[in-house]
Each structure stands twice: as structure tokens, then as C-alpha cells.
């Protein structure tokens, strides 16, 4: 998985490319821990994300919990396959998806 990140004035934006799974979720988790301390807003761009597993969902839930106290998190450009995973797992009811 490739992670492009932009941090500016408390706003953190990650664009993910590839697969967010058991192998790559720890990398995203490390990156988020480094950037979320001073963050007021988190945006995750999934336009190039091909797949998400339960390990990826766990990282998203953790980030959502952390950001709900600070200003919020938004997931953008979700493809049909990832959207279906969100719907089946109930994440579509939890996350702010645009």
C-alpha cells in the first residue's frame, strides 16, 4: 500500500493506494499515531484503495474514535467494493463518508 500524506494547519489528509489489510494496516496505524496528536481534522481519500480487510477496519475505527474528540474524520472517494464492506459491517453508519 502507498500512503500519500499532507499535513497543514491541523488538517491531515491521507490518500491510500492499494490494499489496506493485515500486512499494511500496521503501517497506516503508525502513520496516524504520528500525525493525529495535533490534528483537528482527518480526511482519508480512498479513490485508489482497492481492498480493505478487518485489520484495516480496526485502524479506521481507532482513528475515528480519536478524531471524534478533536473535530472529526471524513472518508472520501470510496469505491463500490469498499462501500459494500462498510455497509455489511455497519461502518457506513459510523463513518462520515463523502
PDB file of N, CA and C in Angstrom:
ATOM      1  N   UNK A   1       0.844  -1.175   0.000  1.00  0.00           N
ATOM      2  CA  UNK A   1       0.000   0.000   0.000  1.00  0.00           C
ATOM      3  C   UNK A   1       0.885   1.231   0.000  1.00  0.00           C
ATOM      4  N   UNK A   2       0.442   2.234  -0.700  1.00  0.00           N
ATOM      5  CA  UNK A   2       1.136   3.516  -0.746  1.00  0.00           C
ATOM      6  C   UNK A   2       0.287   4.544   0.017  1.00  0.00           C
ATOM      7  N   UNK A   3       0.962   5.337   0.846  1.00  0.00           N
ATOM      8  CA  UNK A   3       0.279   6.376   1.618  1.00  0.00           C
ATOM      9  C   UNK A   3       0.873   7.725   1.237  1.00  0.00           C
ATOM     10  N   UNK A   4       0.049   8.598   0.671  1.00  0.00           N
ATOM     11  CA  UNK A   4       0.447   9.982   0.432  1.00  0.00           C
ATOM     12  C   UNK A   4      -0.213  10.811   1.514  1.00  0.00           C
ATOM     13  N   UNK A   5       0.588  11.616   2.205  1.00  0.00           N
ATOM     14  CA  UNK A   5       0.025  12.392   3.302  1.00  0.00           C
ATOM     15  C   UNK A   5       0.314  13.867   3.136  1.00  0.00           C
ATOM     16  N   UNK A   6      -0.629  14.651   3.618  1.00  0.00           N
ATOM     17  CA  UNK A   6      -0.497  16.100   3.621  1.00  0.00           C
ATOM     18  C   UNK A   6      -0.980  16.591   4.982  1.00  0.00           C
ATOM     19  N   UNK A   7      -0.099  17.293   5.689  1.00  0.00           N
ATOM     20  CA  UNK A   7      -0.450  17.832   6.998  1.00  0.00           C
ATOM     21  C   UNK A   7      -0.263  19.342   6.935  1.00  0.00           C
ATOM     22  N   UNK A   8      -1.364  20.065   7.210  1.00  0.00           N
ATOM     23  CA  UNK A   8      -1.313  21.521   7.115  1.00  0.00           C
ATOM     24  C   UNK A   8      -2.317  22.141   8.083  1.00  0.00           C
ATOM     25  N   UNK A   9      -1.829  22.980   8.977  1.00  0.00           N
ATOM     26  CA  UNK A   9      -2.685  23.719   9.921  1.00  0.00           C
ATOM     27  C   UNK A   9      -3.651  22.825  10.689  1.00  0.00           C
ATOM     28  N   UNK A  10      -3.165  21.688  11.158  1.00  0.00           N
ATOM     29  CA  UNK A  10      -4.007  20.789  11.932  1.00  0.00           C
ATOM     30  C   UNK A  10      -4.883  19.875  11.109  1.00  0.00           C
ATOM     31  N   UNK A  11      -4.892  20.058   9.806  1.00  0.00           N
ATOM     32  CA  UNK A  11      -5.693  19.204   8.921  1.00  0.00           C
ATOM     33  C   UNK A  11      -4.775  18.159   8.294  1.00  0.00           C
ATOM     34  N   UNK A  12      -5.138  16.902   8.488  1.00  0.00           N
ATOM     35  CA  UNK A  12      -4.348  15.785   7.994  1.00  0.00           C
ATOM     36  C   UNK A  12      -5.144  15.087   6.896  1.00  0.00           C
ATOM     37  N   UNK A  13      -4.511  14.884   5.748  1.00  0.00           N
ATOM     38  CA  UNK A  13      -5.150  14.186   4.633  1.00  0.00           C
ATOM     39  C   UNK A  13      -4.247  13.041   4.180  1.00  0.00           C
ATOM     40  N   UNK A  14      -4.807  11.854   4.127  1.00  0.00           N
ATOM     41  CA  UNK A  14      -4.094  10.679   3.635  1.00  0.00           C
ATOM     42  C   UNK A  14      -4.818  10.176   2.387  1.00  0.00           C
ATOM     43  N   UNK A  15      -4.058   9.911   1.349  1.00  0.00           N
ATOM     44  CA  UNK A  15      -4.578   9.249   0.159  1.00  0.00           C
ATOM     45  C   UNK A  15      -3.951   7.857   0.133  1.00  0.00           C
ATOM     46  N   UNK A  16      -4.793   6.840   0.184  1.00  0.00           N
ATOM     47  CA  UNK A  16      -4.311   5.462   0.240  1.00  0.00           C
ATOM     48  C   UNK A  16      -4.453   4.807  -1.129  1.00  0.00           C
ATOM     49  N   UNK A  17      -3.432   4.032  -1.474  1.00  0.00           N
ATOM     50  CA  UNK A  17      -3.444   3.333  -2.763  1.00  0.00           C
ATOM     51  C   UNK A  17      -3.066   1.881  -2.538  1.00  0.00           C
ATOM     52  N   UNK A  18      -3.875   0.971  -3.079  1.00  0.00           N
ATOM     53  CA  UNK A  18      -3.573  -0.451  -2.951  1.00  0.00           C
ATOM     54  C   UNK A  18      -4.539  -1.147  -2.015  1.00  0.00           C
ATOM     55  N   UNK A  19      -3.976  -1.983  -1.118  1.00  0.00           N
ATOM     56  CA  UNK A  19      -4.778  -2.807  -0.215  1.00  0.00           C
ATOM     57  C   UNK A  19      -4.504  -2.426   1.233  1.00  0.00           C
ATOM     58  N   UNK A  20      -5.558  -2.234   1.997  1.00  0.00           N
ATOM     59  CA  UNK A  20      -5.447  -1.996   3.433  1.00  0.00           C
ATOM     60  C   UNK A  20      -5.867  -3.293   4.113  1.00  0.00           C
ATOM     61  N   UNK A  21      -4.869  -4.083   4.486  1.00  0.00           N
ATOM     62  CA  UNK A  21      -5.128  -5.414   5.027  1.00  0.00           C
ATOM     63  C   UNK A  21      -4.212  -5.701   6.209  1.00  0.00           C
ATOM     64  N   UNK A  22      -4.122  -6.946   6.601  1.00  0.00           N
ATOM     65  CA  UNK A  22      -3.328  -7.347   7.764  1.00  0.00           C
ATOM     66  C   UNK A  22      -1.866  -6.942   7.625  1.00  0.00           C
ATOM     67  N   UNK A  23      -1.347  -6.976   6.428  1.00  0.00           N
ATOM     68  CA  UNK A  23       0.049  -6.635   6.189  1.00  0.00           C
ATOM     69  C   UNK A  23       0.286  -5.132   6.243  1.00  0.00           C
ATOM     70  N   UNK A  24      -0.635  -4.339   5.727  1.00  0.00           N
ATOM     71  CA  UNK A  24      -0.409  -2.899   5.589  1.00  0.00           C
ATOM     72  C   UNK A  24      -1.069  -2.056   6.677  1.00  0.00           C
ATOM     73  N   UNK A  25      -2.038  -2.599   7.385  1.00  0.00           N
ATOM     74  CA  UNK A  25      -2.732  -1.837   8.426  1.00  0.00           C
ATOM     75  C   UNK A  25      -1.793  -1.309   9.510  1.00  0.00           C
ATOM     76  N   UNK A  26      -0.795  -2.089   9.971  1.00  0.00           N
ATOM     77  CA  UNK A  26       0.119  -1.549  10.977  1.00  0.00           C
ATOM     78  C   UNK A  26       0.889  -0.313  10.504  1.00  0.00           C
ATOM     79  N   UNK A  27       1.206  -0.260   9.228  1.00  0.00           N
ATOM     80  CA  UNK A  27       1.895   0.916   8.674  1.00  0.00           C
ATOM     81  C   UNK A  27       1.006   2.156   8.772  1.00  0.00           C
ATOM     82  N   UNK A  28      -0.260   2.016   8.380  1.00  0.00           N
ATOM     83  CA  UNK A  28      -1.193   3.137   8.474  1.00  0.00           C
ATOM     84  C   UNK A  28      -1.384   3.545   9.929  1.00  0.00           C
ATOM     85  N   UNK A  29      -1.490   2.577  10.803  1.00  0.00           N
ATOM     86  CA  UNK A  29      -1.673   2.867  12.224  1.00  0.00           C
ATOM     87  C   UNK A  29      -0.500   3.683  12.778  1.00  0.00           C
ATOM     88  N   UNK A  30       0.718   3.320  12.418  1.00  0.00           N
ATOM     89  CA  UNK A  30       1.909   4.073  12.846  1.00  0.00           C
ATOM     90  C   UNK A  30       1.874   5.500  12.324  1.00  0.00           C
ATOM     91  N   UNK A  31       1.544   5.655  11.052  1.00  0.00           N
ATOM     92  CA  UNK A  31       1.480   6.990  10.447  1.00  0.00           C
ATOM     93  C   UNK A  31       0.436   7.856  11.151  1.00  0.00           C
ATOM     94  N   UNK A  32      -0.723   7.285  11.398  1.00  0.00           N
ATOM     95  CA  UNK A  32      -1.793   8.039  12.057  1.00  0.00           C
ATOM     96  C   UNK A  32      -1.385   8.463  13.466  1.00  0.00           C
ATOM     97  N   UNK A  33      -0.756   7.562  14.201  1.00  0.00           N
ATOM     98  CA  UNK A  33      -0.319   7.914  15.558  1.00  0.00           C
ATOM     99  C   UNK A  33       0.632   9.099  15.538  1.00  0.00           C
ATOM    100  N   UNK A  34       1.486   9.160  14.530  1.00  0.00           N
ATOM    101  CA  UNK A  34       2.446  10.268  14.420  1.00  0.00           C
ATOM    102  C   UNK A  34       1.773  11.588  14.096  1.00  0.00           C
ATOM    103  N   UNK A  35       0.700  11.553  13.322  1.00  0.00           N
ATOM    104  CA  UNK A  35       0.098  12.787  12.806  1.00  0.00           C
ATOM    105  C   UNK A  35      -1.141  13.272  13.556  1.00  0.00           C
ATOM    106  N   UNK A  36      -1.788  12.431  14.337  1.00  0.00           N
ATOM    107  CA  UNK A  36      -3.079  12.811  14.900  1.00  0.00           C
ATOM    108  C   UNK A  36      -3.000  13.587  16.212  1.00  0.00           C
ATOM    109  N   UNK A  37      -1.839  13.626  16.846  1.00  0.00           N
ATOM    110  CA  UNK A  37      -1.743  14.333  18.124  1.00  0.00           C
ATOM    111  C   UNK A  37      -2.224  15.776  18.027  1.00  0.00           C
ATOM    112  N   UNK A  38      -1.729  16.525  17.074  1.00  0.00           N
ATOM    113  CA  UNK A  38      -2.120  17.921  16.934  1.00  0.00           C
ATOM    114  C   UNK A  38      -3.195  18.166  15.897  1.00  0.00           C
ATOM    115  N   UNK A  39      -3.753  17.095  15.364  1.00  0.00           N
ATOM    116  CA  UNK A  39      -4.730  17.233  14.281  1.00  0.00           C
ATOM    117  C   UNK A  39      -6.092  17.672  14.794  1.00  0.00           C
ATOM    118  N   UNK A  40      -6.758  18.497  13.995  1.00  0.00           N
ATOM    119  CA  UNK A  40      -8.129  18.896  14.289  1.00  0.00           C
ATOM    120  C   UNK A  40      -9.108  18.276  13.298  1.00  0.00           C
ATOM    121  N   UNK A  41      -8.598  17.748  12.202  1.00  0.00           N
ATOM    122  CA  UNK A  41      -9.436  17.182  11.139  1.00  0.00           C
ATOM    123  C   UNK A  41      -8.636  16.126  10.395  1.00  0.00           C
ATOM    124  N   UNK A  42      -9.259  14.992  10.068  1.00  0.00           N
ATOM    125  CA  UNK A  42      -8.621  13.924   9.296  1.00  0.00           C
ATOM    126  C   UNK A  42      -9.494  13.582   8.102  1.00  0.00           C
ATOM    127  N   UNK A  43      -8.881  13.554   6.928  1.00  0.00           N
ATOM    128  CA  UNK A  43      -9.559  13.121   5.708  1.00  0.00           C
ATOM    129  C   UNK A  43      -8.783  11.950   5.122  1.00  0.00           C
ATOM    130  N   UNK A  44      -9.495  10.887   4.796  1.00  0.00           N
ATOM    131  CA  UNK A  44      -8.905   9.721   4.152  1.00  0.00           C
ATOM    132  C   UNK A  44      -9.494   9.603   2.749  1.00  0.00           C
ATOM    133  N   UNK A  45      -8.637   9.718   1.755  1.00  0.00           N
ATOM    134  CA  UNK A  45      -9.061   9.620   0.356  1.00  0.00           C
ATOM    135  C   UNK A  45      -8.848   8.182  -0.108  1.00  0.00           C
ATOM    136  N   UNK A  46      -9.936   7.495  -0.417  1.00  0.00           N
ATOM    137  CA  UNK A  46      -9.883   6.086  -0.813  1.00  0.00           C
ATOM    138  C   UNK A  46     -10.050   5.903  -2.320  1.00  0.00           C
ATOM    139  N   UNK A  47      -9.821   6.938  -3.111  1.00  0.00           N
ATOM    140  CA  UNK A  47     -10.045   6.829  -4.557  1.00  0.00           C
ATOM    141  C   UNK A  47      -9.184   5.749  -5.210  1.00  0.00           C
ATOM    142  N   UNK A  48      -8.041   5.422  -4.617  1.00  0.00           N
ATOM    143  CA  UNK A  48      -7.164   4.396  -5.188  1.00  0.00           C
ATOM    144  C   UNK A  48      -7.021   3.184  -4.282  1.00  0.00           C
ATOM    145  N   UNK A  49      -7.903   3.077  -3.288  1.00  0.00           N
ATOM    146  CA  UNK A  49      -7.870   1.917  -2.397  1.00  0.00           C
ATOM    147  C   UNK A  49      -8.665   0.789  -3.039  1.00  0.00           C
ATOM    148  N   UNK A  50      -8.019  -0.357  -3.229  1.00  0.00           N
ATOM    149  CA  UNK A  50      -8.649  -1.481  -3.911  1.00  0.00           C
ATOM    150  C   UNK A  50      -9.402  -2.418  -2.972  1.00  0.00           C
ATOM    151  N   UNK A  51      -8.951  -2.487  -1.717  1.00  0.00           N
ATOM    152  CA  UNK A  51      -9.466  -3.511  -0.816  1.00  0.00           C
ATOM    153  C   UNK A  51      -9.256  -3.075   0.626  1.00  0.00           C
ATOM    154  N   UNK A  52     -10.163  -3.464   1.515  1.00  0.00           N
ATOM    155  CA  UNK A  52      -9.993  -3.238   2.943  1.00  0.00           C
ATOM    156  C   UNK A  52     -10.425  -4.492   3.698  1.00  0.00           C
ATOM    157  N   UNK A  53      -9.596  -4.910   4.653  1.00  0.00           N
ATOM    158  CA  UNK A  53      -9.896  -6.087   5.463  1.00  0.00           C
ATOM    159  C   UNK A  53     -10.323  -5.659   6.859  1.00  0.00           C
ATOM    160  N   UNK A  54     -10.597  -6.626   7.714  1.00  0.00           N
ATOM    161  CA  UNK A  54     -10.984  -6.319   9.088  1.00  0.00           C
ATOM    162  C   UNK A  54      -9.859  -5.603   9.835  1.00  0.00           C
ATOM    163  N   UNK A  55      -8.618  -5.887   9.500  1.00  0.00           N
ATOM    164  CA  UNK A  55      -7.489  -5.189  10.121  1.00  0.00           C
ATOM    165  C   UNK A  55      -7.514  -3.710   9.750  1.00  0.00           C
ATOM    166  N   UNK A  56      -7.845  -3.413   8.511  1.00  0.00           N
ATOM    167  CA  UNK A  56      -7.984  -2.026   8.069  1.00  0.00           C
ATOM    168  C   UNK A  56      -9.153  -1.342   8.740  1.00  0.00           C
ATOM    169  N   UNK A  57     -10.251  -2.057   8.905  1.00  0.00           N
ATOM    170  CA  UNK A  57     -11.423  -1.500   9.582  1.00  0.00           C
ATOM    171  C   UNK A  57     -11.096  -1.147  11.026  1.00  0.00           C
ATOM    172  N   UNK A  58     -10.300  -1.985  11.680  1.00  0.00           N
ATOM    173  CA  UNK A  58      -9.907  -1.719  13.062  1.00  0.00           C
ATOM    174  C   UNK A  58      -9.122  -0.421  13.167  1.00  0.00           C
ATOM    175  N   UNK A  59      -8.214  -0.179  12.221  1.00  0.00           N
ATOM    176  CA  UNK A  59      -7.437   1.061  12.218  1.00  0.00           C
ATOM    177  C   UNK A  59      -8.360   2.259  11.984  1.00  0.00           C
ATOM    178  N   UNK A  60      -9.313   2.126  11.080  1.00  0.00           N
ATOM    179  CA  UNK A  60     -10.266   3.206  10.826  1.00  0.00           C
ATOM    180  C   UNK A  60     -11.110   3.515  12.063  1.00  0.00           C
ATOM    181  N   UNK A  61     -11.552   2.476  12.747  1.00  0.00           N
ATOM    182  CA  UNK A  61     -12.356   2.684  13.946  1.00  0.00           C
ATOM    183  C   UNK A  61     -11.554   3.400  15.033  1.00  0.00           C
ATOM    184  N   UNK A  62     -10.312   3.009  15.187  1.00  0.00           N
ATOM    185  CA  UNK A  62      -9.441   3.658  16.166  1.00  0.00           C
ATOM    186  C   UNK A  62      -9.226   5.128  15.820  1.00  0.00           C
ATOM    187  N   UNK A  63      -8.974   5.415  14.552  1.00  0.00           N
ATOM    188  CA  UNK A  63      -8.785   6.807  14.110  1.00  0.00           C
ATOM    189  C   UNK A  63     -10.066   7.606  14.293  1.00  0.00           C
ATOM    190  N   UNK A  64     -11.197   6.986  13.972  1.00  0.00           N
ATOM    191  CA  UNK A  64     -12.494   7.660  14.134  1.00  0.00           C
ATOM    192  C   UNK A  64     -12.724   8.044  15.592  1.00  0.00           C
ATOM    193  N   UNK A  65     -12.446   7.129  16.498  1.00  0.00           N
ATOM    194  CA  UNK A  65     -12.620   7.403  17.929  1.00  0.00           C
ATOM    195  C   UNK A  65     -11.722   8.555  18.369  1.00  0.00           C
ATOM    196  N   UNK A  66     -10.467   8.531  17.937  1.00  0.00           N
ATOM    197  CA  UNK A  66      -9.528   9.594  18.314  1.00  0.00           C
ATOM    198  C   UNK A  66      -9.971  10.939  17.757  1.00  0.00           C
ATOM    199  N   UNK A  67     -10.428  10.958  16.516  1.00  0.00           N
ATOM    200  CA  UNK A  67     -10.780  12.219  15.868  1.00  0.00           C
ATOM    201  C   UNK A  67     -12.161  12.726  16.267  1.00  0.00           C
ATOM    202  N   UNK A  68     -13.017  11.876  16.773  1.00  0.00           N
ATOM    203  CA  UNK A  68     -14.351  12.334  17.177  1.00  0.00           C
ATOM    204  C   UNK A  68     -14.267  13.314  18.340  1.00  0.00           C
ATOM    205  N   UNK A  69     -13.191  13.259  19.091  1.00  0.00           N
ATOM    206  CA  UNK A  69     -12.985  14.184  20.203  1.00  0.00           C
ATOM    207  C   UNK A  69     -12.274  15.464  19.766  1.00  0.00           C
ATOM    208  N   UNK A  70     -11.796  15.487  18.523  1.00  0.00           N
ATOM    209  CA  UNK A  70     -10.955  16.600  18.081  1.00  0.00           C
ATOM    210  C   UNK A  70     -11.522  17.415  16.932  1.00  0.00           C
ATOM    211  N   UNK A  71     -12.515  16.965  16.247  1.00  0.00           N
ATOM    212  CA  UNK A  71     -13.022  17.723  15.116  1.00  0.00           C
ATOM    213  C   UNK A  71     -13.597  16.857  14.021  1.00  0.00           C
ATOM    214  N   UNK A  72     -13.216  15.588  13.977  1.00  0.00           N
ATOM    215  CA  UNK A  72     -13.862  14.686  13.039  1.00  0.00           C
ATOM    216  C   UNK A  72     -12.963  14.084  11.981  1.00  0.00           C
ATOM    217  N   UNK A  73     -13.522  13.078  11.334  1.00  0.00           N
ATOM    218  CA  UNK A  73     -12.831  12.321  10.290  1.00  0.00           C
ATOM    219  C   UNK A  73     -13.808  12.100   9.145  1.00  0.00           C
ATOM    220  N   UNK A  74     -13.311  12.229   7.932  1.00  0.00           N
ATOM    221  CA  UNK A  74     -14.116  12.010   6.734  1.00  0.00           C
ATOM    222  C   UNK A  74     -13.393  11.040   5.820  1.00  0.00           C
ATOM    223  N   UNK A  75     -14.145  10.117   5.232  1.00  0.00           N
ATOM    224  CA  UNK A  75     -13.612   9.191   4.232  1.00  0.00           C
ATOM    225  C   UNK A  75     -14.229   9.594   2.899  1.00  0.00           C
ATOM    226  N   UNK A  76     -13.379   9.832   1.896  1.00  0.00           N
ATOM    227  CA  UNK A  76     -13.874  10.301   0.599  1.00  0.00           C
ATOM    228  C   UNK A  76     -13.538   9.308  -0.517  1.00  0.00           C
ATOM    229  N   UNK A  77     -14.252   9.439  -1.612  1.00  0.00           N
ATOM    230  CA  UNK A  77     -13.988   8.697  -2.853  1.00  0.00           C
ATOM    231  C   UNK A  77     -13.935   7.184  -2.646  1.00  0.00           C
ATOM    232  N   UNK A  78     -14.942   6.654  -1.977  1.00  0.00           N
ATOM    233  CA  UNK A  78     -14.993   5.228  -1.673  1.00  0.00           C
ATOM    234  C   UNK A  78     -15.563   4.476  -2.868  1.00  0.00           C
ATOM    235  N   UNK A  79     -14.831   3.457  -3.336  1.00  0.00           N
ATOM    236  CA  UNK A  79     -15.324   2.668  -4.468  1.00  0.00           C
ATOM    237  C   UNK A  79     -16.414   1.698  -4.008  1.00  0.00           C
ATOM    238  N   UNK A  80     -17.045   1.052  -4.938  1.00  0.00           N
ATOM    239  CA  UNK A  80     -18.198   0.199  -4.652  1.00  0.00           C
ATOM    240  C   UNK A  80     -17.843  -0.979  -3.743  1.00  0.00           C
ATOM    241  N   UNK A  81     -16.692  -1.609  -3.956  1.00  0.00           N
ATOM    242  CA  UNK A  81     -16.309  -2.768  -3.154  1.00  0.00           C
ATOM    243  C   UNK A  81     -16.077  -2.374  -1.690  1.00  0.00           C
ATOM    244  N   UNK A  82     -15.355  -1.290  -1.475  1.00  0.00           N
ATOM    245  CA  UNK A  82     -15.094  -0.826  -0.110  1.00  0.00           C
ATOM    246  C   UNK A  82     -16.394  -0.340   0.536  1.00  0.00           C
ATOM    247  N   UNK A  83     -17.227   0.338  -0.237  1.00  0.00           N
ATOM    248  CA  UNK A  83     -18.523   0.800   0.280  1.00  0.00           C
ATOM    249  C   UNK A  83     -19.368  -0.388   0.739  1.00  0.00           C
ATOM    250  N   UNK A  84     -19.332  -1.475  -0.015  1.00  0.00           N
ATOM    251  CA  UNK A  84     -20.090  -2.675   0.362  1.00  0.00           C
ATOM    252  C   UNK A  84     -19.579  -3.244   1.688  1.00  0.00           C
ATOM    253  N   UNK A  85     -18.253  -3.262   1.873  1.00  0.00           N
ATOM    254  CA  UNK A  85     -17.683  -3.720   3.144  1.00  0.00           C
ATOM    255  C   UNK A  85     -18.165  -2.821   4.283  1.00  0.00           C
ATOM    256  N   UNK A  86     -18.174  -1.508   4.055  1.00  0.00           N
ATOM    257  CA  UNK A  86     -18.661  -0.567   5.066  1.00  0.00           C
ATOM    258  C   UNK A  86     -20.127  -0.832   5.405  1.00  0.00           C
ATOM    259  N   UNK A  87     -20.930  -1.121   4.405  1.00  0.00           N
ATOM    260  CA  UNK A  87     -22.359  -1.350   4.629  1.00  0.00           C
ATOM    261  C   UNK A  87     -22.604  -2.658   5.382  1.00  0.00           C
ATOM    262  N   UNK A  88     -21.915  -3.723   4.989  1.00  0.00           N
ATOM    263  CA  UNK A  88     -22.100  -5.033   5.617  1.00  0.00           C
ATOM    264  C   UNK A  88     -21.653  -5.004   7.074  1.00  0.00           C
ATOM    265  N   UNK A  89     -20.589  -4.277   7.371  1.00  0.00           N
ATOM    266  CA  UNK A  89     -20.046  -4.240   8.728  1.00  0.00           C
ATOM    267  C   UNK A  89     -20.671  -3.168   9.606  1.00  0.00           C
ATOM    268  N   UNK A  90     -21.485  -2.300   9.027  1.00  0.00           N
ATOM    269  CA  UNK A  90     -22.102  -1.219   9.791  1.00  0.00           C
ATOM    270  C   UNK A  90     -21.242   0.032   9.875  1.00  0.00           C
ATOM    271  N   UNK A  91     -20.082   0.011   9.254  1.00  0.00           N
ATOM    272  CA  UNK A  91     -19.206   1.190   9.266  1.00  0.00           C
ATOM    273  C   UNK A  91     -19.823   2.368   8.522  1.00  0.00           C
ATOM    274  N   UNK A  92     -20.722   2.085   7.596  1.00  0.00           N
ATOM    275  CA  UNK A  92     -21.368   3.188   6.871  1.00  0.00           C
ATOM    276  C   UNK A  92     -22.254   4.015   7.795  1.00  0.00           C
ATOM    277  N   UNK A  93     -22.667   3.425   8.915  1.00  0.00           N
ATOM    278  CA  UNK A  93     -23.453   4.149   9.905  1.00  0.00           C
ATOM    279  C   UNK A  93     -22.575   4.924  10.886  1.00  0.00           C
ATOM    280  N   UNK A  94     -21.327   4.534  10.991  1.00  0.00           N
ATOM    281  CA  UNK A  94     -20.402   5.145  11.956  1.00  0.00           C
ATOM    282  C   UNK A  94     -19.577   6.262  11.319  1.00  0.00           C
ATOM    283  N   UNK A  95     -19.040   6.000  10.123  1.00  0.00           N
ATOM    284  CA  UNK A  95     -18.112   6.920   9.478  1.00  0.00           C
ATOM    285  C   UNK A  95     -18.840   7.997   8.689  1.00  0.00           C
ATOM    286  N   UNK A  96     -18.206   9.141   8.571  1.00  0.00           N
ATOM    287  CA  UNK A  96     -18.674  10.203   7.680  1.00  0.00           C
ATOM    288  C   UNK A  96     -18.067   9.930   6.306  1.00  0.00           C
ATOM    289  N   UNK A  97     -18.883   9.456   5.361  1.00  0.00           N
ATOM    290  CA  UNK A  97     -18.405   9.053   4.037  1.00  0.00           C
ATOM    291  C   UNK A  97     -18.964  10.029   3.013  1.00  0.00           C
ATOM    292  N   UNK A  98     -18.068  10.597   2.216  1.00  0.00           N
ATOM    293  CA  UNK A  98     -18.485  11.511   1.143  1.00  0.00           C
ATOM    294  C   UNK A  98     -18.151  10.933  -0.203  1.00  0.00           C
TER     295      UNK A  98
END
